[in-house]
Amino acid sequence: MMATGTLERFATTRLTAERPAQAHLDDLIRLHLDPAVSRYLGGVRSPEATISWLDAQLAHWVECGFGVWVLHGMDGAFVGRAGLRRVELDGTREIEIVYSLARAYWGRGLATEIAAALIDLWLTRIDSPSLAGIVAVGNTASRRVLEKSGFGFERRTVFRSADVVVLRRMRAE
């Protein structure tokens, strides 16, 4: 699944992705307030915590030139967020793949579709030997998406006070 577009905006078959902005705050607040969506993301975030989260994402874009994108369906409806971001995992700087979809869009293959586009962006635009998927233990749906996308189990660890599994995809040599 090739992503078409620039780093600021791109599209897949069923999704458009754009760099986040303050205009997306209300949609992000609704996403983060959903307990089912937030179950494996550290819990429900208050509107104030989402404001801080968005500020951090905007700063990441300024620092790195990439980050989390806001996702919409082809009809313009808010679908969720997904991206590539730098994190520190067990003392090592990594590029992490992330995605979180509104509950109404679960089970449609959209996470797999956006993961494929993010992998393509990583392979073509970001200089990093590997891509990490950090998944809360118990989040079998997210783990399946990454495994279908060519990620293999690496280890179990603690990340941001959560028990997680690390899956990894290496660049082909």
C-alpha atoms as a PDB file:
ATOM      1  CA  MET A   1       0.000   0.000   0.000  1.00  0.00           C
ATOM      2  CA  MET A   2       1.812   3.084  -1.201  1.00  0.00           C
ATOM      3  CA  ALA A   3       1.049   6.389   0.408  1.00  0.00           C
ATOM      4  CA  THR A   4       0.583   9.113  -2.156  1.00  0.00           C
ATOM      5  CA  GLY A   5       1.297  12.758  -1.364  1.00  0.00           C
ATOM      6  CA  THR A   6       3.809  14.736   0.652  1.00  0.00           C
ATOM      7  CA  LEU A   7       4.965  14.231   4.198  1.00  0.00           C
ATOM      8  CA  GLU A   8       2.523  16.934   5.360  1.00  0.00           C
ATOM      9  CA  ARG A   9      -0.432  15.154   3.727  1.00  0.00           C
ATOM     10  CA  PHE A  10      -0.873  11.777   2.142  1.00  0.00           C
ATOM     11  CA  ALA A  11      -3.631   9.395   1.163  1.00  0.00           C
ATOM     12  CA  THR A  12      -4.243   5.679   1.091  1.00  0.00           C
ATOM     13  CA  THR A  13      -7.087   3.925  -0.681  1.00  0.00           C
ATOM     14  CA  ARG A  14      -9.625   4.850   2.017  1.00  0.00           C
ATOM     15  CA  LEU A  15      -7.920   7.441   4.216  1.00  0.00           C
ATOM     16  CA  THR A  16      -6.414  10.883   4.046  1.00  0.00           C
ATOM     17  CA  ALA A  17      -3.753  11.918   6.536  1.00  0.00           C
ATOM     18  CA  GLU A  18      -2.679  15.428   7.399  1.00  0.00           C
ATOM     19  CA  ARG A  19      -0.254  17.026   9.795  1.00  0.00           C
ATOM     20  CA  PRO A  20      -2.122  17.851  13.009  1.00  0.00           C
ATOM     21  CA  ALA A  21      -3.256  21.367  13.846  1.00  0.00           C
ATOM     22  CA  GLN A  22      -5.215  23.069  16.614  1.00  0.00           C
ATOM     23  CA  ALA A  23      -8.317  22.703  14.403  1.00  0.00           C
ATOM     24  CA  HIS A  24      -8.193  18.943  15.105  1.00  0.00           C
ATOM     25  CA  LEU A  25      -8.332  19.350  18.881  1.00  0.00           C
ATOM     26  CA  ASP A  26     -12.064  18.615  19.355  1.00  0.00           C
ATOM     27  CA  ASP A  27     -11.840  15.363  17.367  1.00  0.00           C
ATOM     28  CA  LEU A  28      -8.725  14.306  19.288  1.00  0.00           C
ATOM     29  CA  ILE A  29     -10.381  15.095  22.622  1.00  0.00           C
ATOM     30  CA  ARG A  30     -13.359  12.878  21.681  1.00  0.00           C
ATOM     31  CA  LEU A  31     -10.980  10.090  20.620  1.00  0.00           C
ATOM     32  CA  HIS A  32      -8.971  10.285  23.847  1.00  0.00           C
ATOM     33  CA  LEU A  33     -12.105  10.379  26.034  1.00  0.00           C
ATOM     34  CA  ASP A  34     -13.332   7.034  24.705  1.00  0.00           C
ATOM     35  CA  PRO A  35     -12.383   4.400  27.308  1.00  0.00           C
ATOM     36  CA  ALA A  36     -12.323   1.584  24.728  1.00  0.00           C
ATOM     37  CA  VAL A  37      -9.944   3.509  22.454  1.00  0.00           C
ATOM     38  CA  SER A  38      -7.755   4.596  25.366  1.00  0.00           C
ATOM     39  CA  ARG A  39      -7.670   1.231  27.119  1.00  0.00           C
ATOM     40  CA  TYR A  40      -4.160   0.384  25.905  1.00  0.00           C
ATOM     41  CA  LEU A  41      -2.925   3.976  25.580  1.00  0.00           C
ATOM     42  CA  GLY A  42      -2.482   4.731  29.259  1.00  0.00           C
ATOM     43  CA  GLY A  43      -6.160   5.385  29.946  1.00  0.00           C
ATOM     44  CA  VAL A  44      -8.617   8.140  29.146  1.00  0.00           C
ATOM     45  CA  ARG A  45      -7.006  11.550  28.646  1.00  0.00           C
ATOM     46  CA  SER A  46      -8.707  14.665  29.918  1.00  0.00           C
ATOM     47  CA  PRO A  47      -9.206  17.541  27.478  1.00  0.00           C
ATOM     48  CA  GLU A  48      -6.268  19.293  29.178  1.00  0.00           C
ATOM     49  CA  ALA A  49      -4.070  16.218  28.731  1.00  0.00           C
ATOM     50  CA  THR A  50      -5.059  16.071  25.056  1.00  0.00           C
ATOM     51  CA  ILE A  51      -4.081  19.736  24.648  1.00  0.00           C
ATOM     52  CA  SER A  52      -0.654  18.873  26.084  1.00  0.00           C
ATOM     53  CA  TRP A  53      -0.475  15.766  23.881  1.00  0.00           C
ATOM     54  CA  LEU A  54      -1.243  17.824  20.759  1.00  0.00           C
ATOM     55  CA  ASP A  55       1.359  20.443  21.745  1.00  0.00           C
ATOM     56  CA  ALA A  56       3.934  17.648  22.069  1.00  0.00           C
ATOM     57  CA  GLN A  57       2.982  16.261  18.639  1.00  0.00           C
ATOM     58  CA  LEU A  58       3.313  19.697  17.032  1.00  0.00           C
ATOM     59  CA  ALA A  59       6.726  20.151  18.666  1.00  0.00           C
ATOM     60  CA  HIS A  60       7.787  16.711  17.395  1.00  0.00           C
ATOM     61  CA  TRP A  61       6.914  17.803  13.848  1.00  0.00           C
ATOM     62  CA  VAL A  62       9.025  20.948  14.218  1.00  0.00           C
ATOM     63  CA  GLU A  63      11.969  18.980  15.611  1.00  0.00           C
ATOM     64  CA  CYS A  64      11.826  15.912  13.339  1.00  0.00           C
ATOM     65  CA  GLY A  65       9.918  16.896  10.195  1.00  0.00           C
ATOM     66  CA  PHE A  66       7.449  14.029  10.697  1.00  0.00           C
ATOM     67  CA  GLY A  67       5.181  12.730  13.432  1.00  0.00           C
ATOM     68  CA  VAL A  68       1.569  11.812  14.009  1.00  0.00           C
ATOM     69  CA  TRP A  69      -1.008  12.550  11.324  1.00  0.00           C
ATOM     70  CA  VAL A  70      -4.761  13.049  11.760  1.00  0.00           C
ATOM     71  CA  LEU A  71      -6.815  10.589   9.707  1.00  0.00           C
ATOM     72  CA  HIS A  72     -10.057  11.177   7.845  1.00  0.00           C
ATOM     73  CA  GLY A  73     -12.173   8.952   5.664  1.00  0.00           C
ATOM     74  CA  MET A  74     -12.766   9.894   2.044  1.00  0.00           C
ATOM     75  CA  ASP A  75     -16.079  11.384   3.203  1.00  0.00           C
ATOM     76  CA  GLY A  76     -14.154  13.775   5.491  1.00  0.00           C
ATOM     77  CA  ALA A  77     -15.178  12.057   8.758  1.00  0.00           C
ATOM     78  CA  PHE A  78     -12.560  11.926  11.508  1.00  0.00           C
ATOM     79  CA  VAL A  79     -11.184   8.373  11.764  1.00  0.00           C
ATOM     80  CA  GLY A  80      -8.269   8.696  14.201  1.00  0.00           C
ATOM     81  CA  ARG A  81      -4.555   9.362  14.335  1.00  0.00           C
ATOM     82  CA  ALA A  82      -1.457   7.495  13.247  1.00  0.00           C
ATOM     83  CA  GLY A  83       2.187   8.195  12.711  1.00  0.00           C
ATOM     84  CA  LEU A  84       5.868   7.687  13.149  1.00  0.00           C
ATOM     85  CA  ARG A  85       7.602   9.234  16.121  1.00  0.00           C
ATOM     86  CA  ARG A  86      10.893   9.214  17.941  1.00  0.00           C
ATOM     87  CA  VAL A  87      10.822   7.653  21.377  1.00  0.00           C
ATOM     88  CA  GLU A  88      13.335   6.424  23.888  1.00  0.00           C
ATOM     89  CA  LEU A  89      12.860   2.744  24.639  1.00  0.00           C
ATOM     90  CA  ASP A  90      15.095   1.067  27.218  1.00  0.00           C
ATOM     91  CA  GLY A  91      17.738   3.761  26.744  1.00  0.00           C
ATOM     92  CA  THR A  92      17.768   3.594  22.935  1.00  0.00           C
ATOM     93  CA  ARG A  93      16.299   6.143  20.512  1.00  0.00           C
ATOM     94  CA  GLU A  94      13.795   4.438  18.237  1.00  0.00           C
ATOM     95  CA  ILE A  95      11.275   5.283  15.559  1.00  0.00           C
ATOM     96  CA  GLU A  96       7.896   3.960  16.670  1.00  0.00           C
ATOM     97  CA  ILE A  97       4.819   3.280  14.542  1.00  0.00           C
ATOM     98  CA  VAL A  98       1.563   4.344  16.220  1.00  0.00           C
ATOM     99  CA  TYR A  99      -2.116   4.282  15.303  1.00  0.00           C
ATOM    100  CA  SER A 100      -5.376   4.787  17.140  1.00  0.00           C
ATOM    101  CA  LEU A 101      -8.751   4.684  15.432  1.00  0.00           C
ATOM    102  CA  ALA A 102     -12.161   5.787  16.634  1.00  0.00           C
ATOM    103  CA  ARG A 103     -14.196   2.780  17.712  1.00  0.00           C
ATOM    104  CA  ALA A 104     -16.660   3.170  14.816  1.00  0.00           C
ATOM    105  CA  TYR A 105     -13.809   2.330  12.420  1.00  0.00           C
ATOM    106  CA  TRP A 106     -12.511  -0.819  14.105  1.00  0.00           C
ATOM    107  CA  GLY A 107     -12.637  -4.125  12.253  1.00  0.00           C
ATOM    108  CA  ARG A 108     -12.502  -2.645   8.740  1.00  0.00           C
ATOM    109  CA  GLY A 109      -8.818  -3.198   7.979  1.00  0.00           C
ATOM    110  CA  LEU A 110      -8.015   0.515   8.311  1.00  0.00           C
ATOM    111  CA  ALA A 111      -5.258  -0.022  10.878  1.00  0.00           C
ATOM    112  CA  THR A 112      -3.543  -2.445   8.503  1.00  0.00           C
ATOM    113  CA  GLU A 113      -3.988   0.021   5.637  1.00  0.00           C
ATOM    114  CA  ILE A 114      -2.469   2.940   7.538  1.00  0.00           C
ATOM    115  CA  ALA A 115       0.322   0.733   8.920  1.00  0.00           C
ATOM    116  CA  ALA A 116       1.308  -0.183   5.345  1.00  0.00           C
ATOM    117  CA  ALA A 117       1.398   3.494   4.368  1.00  0.00           C
ATOM    118  CA  LEU A 118       3.480   4.394   7.434  1.00  0.00           C
ATOM    119  CA  ILE A 119       5.930   1.589   6.677  1.00  0.00           C
ATOM    120  CA  ASP A 120       6.264   2.947   3.143  1.00  0.00           C
ATOM    121  CA  LEU A 121       6.977   6.441   4.502  1.00  0.00           C
ATOM    122  CA  TRP A 122       9.562   5.027   6.904  1.00  0.00           C
ATOM    123  CA  LEU A 123      11.267   3.075   4.125  1.00  0.00           C
ATOM    124  CA  THR A 124      11.349   6.004   1.685  1.00  0.00           C
ATOM    125  CA  ARG A 125      11.688   9.075   3.887  1.00  0.00           C
ATOM    126  CA  ILE A 126      13.220   8.251   7.265  1.00  0.00           C
ATOM    127  CA  ASP A 127      16.782   7.121   7.886  1.00  0.00           C
ATOM    128  CA  SER A 128      16.424   4.450  10.541  1.00  0.00           C
ATOM    129  CA  PRO A 129      17.529   0.794  10.384  1.00  0.00           C
ATOM    130  CA  SER A 130      14.352  -0.470  12.038  1.00  0.00           C
ATOM    131  CA  LEU A 131      10.836   0.445  13.048  1.00  0.00           C
ATOM    132  CA  ALA A 132       9.502  -0.479  16.489  1.00  0.00           C
ATOM    133  CA  GLY A 133       5.954  -1.338  17.407  1.00  0.00           C
ATOM    134  CA  ILE A 134       5.352  -0.961  21.134  1.00  0.00           C
ATOM    135  CA  VAL A 135       2.130  -2.742  22.066  1.00  0.00           C
ATOM    136  CA  ALA A 136       0.494  -3.080  25.460  1.00  0.00           C
ATOM    137  CA  VAL A 137       0.340  -6.672  26.616  1.00  0.00           C
ATOM    138  CA  GLY A 138      -3.220  -7.769  25.950  1.00  0.00           C
ATOM    139  CA  ASN A 139      -3.736  -5.577  22.886  1.00  0.00           C
ATOM    140  CA  THR A 140      -3.975  -8.543  20.546  1.00  0.00           C
ATOM    141  CA  ALA A 141      -5.668  -6.567  17.739  1.00  0.00           C
ATOM    142  CA  SER A 142      -2.784  -4.095  17.467  1.00  0.00           C
ATOM    143  CA  ARG A 143      -0.235  -6.864  17.710  1.00  0.00           C
ATOM    144  CA  ARG A 144      -1.961  -8.754  14.856  1.00  0.00           C
ATOM    145  CA  VAL A 145      -1.852  -5.626  12.669  1.00  0.00           C
ATOM    146  CA  LEU A 146       1.897  -5.331  13.163  1.00  0.00           C
ATOM    147  CA  GLU A 147       2.543  -9.028  12.653  1.00  0.00           C
ATOM    148  CA  LYS A 148       0.567  -8.938   9.374  1.00  0.00           C
ATOM    149  CA  SER A 149       2.719  -5.927   8.437  1.00  0.00           C
ATOM    150  CA  GLY A 150       5.982  -7.834   8.762  1.00  0.00           C
ATOM    151  CA  PHE A 151       6.927  -7.064  12.373  1.00  0.00           C
ATOM    152  CA  GLY A 152       8.397  -9.827  14.508  1.00  0.00           C
ATOM    153  CA  PHE A 153       8.367 -10.242  18.275  1.00  0.00           C
ATOM    154  CA  GLU A 154      11.538  -8.932  19.902  1.00  0.00           C
ATOM    155  CA  ARG A 155      10.972  -8.754  23.635  1.00  0.00           C
ATOM    156  CA  ARG A 156       8.745  -7.845  26.531  1.00  0.00           C
ATOM    157  CA  THR A 157       9.551  -4.740  28.594  1.00  0.00           C
ATOM    158  CA  VAL A 158       8.043  -1.804  30.483  1.00  0.00           C
ATOM    159  CA  PHE A 159       7.386   1.423  28.570  1.00  0.00           C
ATOM    160  CA  ARG A 160       5.817   4.489  30.196  1.00  0.00           C
ATOM    161  CA  SER A 161       4.821   2.368  33.207  1.00  0.00           C
ATOM    162  CA  ALA A 162       2.999  -0.193  31.033  1.00  0.00           C
ATOM    163  CA  ASP A 163       3.857  -3.830  30.410  1.00  0.00           C
ATOM    164  CA  VAL A 164       4.452  -4.022  26.641  1.00  0.00           C
ATOM    165  CA  VAL A 165       5.784  -6.207  23.873  1.00  0.00           C
ATOM    166  CA  VAL A 166       8.216  -4.758  21.359  1.00  0.00           C
ATOM    167  CA  LEU A 167       7.801  -5.879  17.770  1.00  0.00           C
ATOM    168  CA  ARG A 168      10.317  -4.836  15.147  1.00  0.00           C
ATOM    169  CA  ARG A 169      10.584  -4.529  11.414  1.00  0.00           C
ATOM    170  CA  MET A 170      14.060  -4.263   9.916  1.00  0.00           C
ATOM    171  CA  ARG A 171      14.979  -2.753   6.587  1.00  0.00           C
ATOM    172  CA  ALA A 172      15.740  -5.354   3.956  1.00  0.00           C
ATOM    173  CA  GLU A 173      19.478  -5.590   3.276  1.00  0.00           C
END
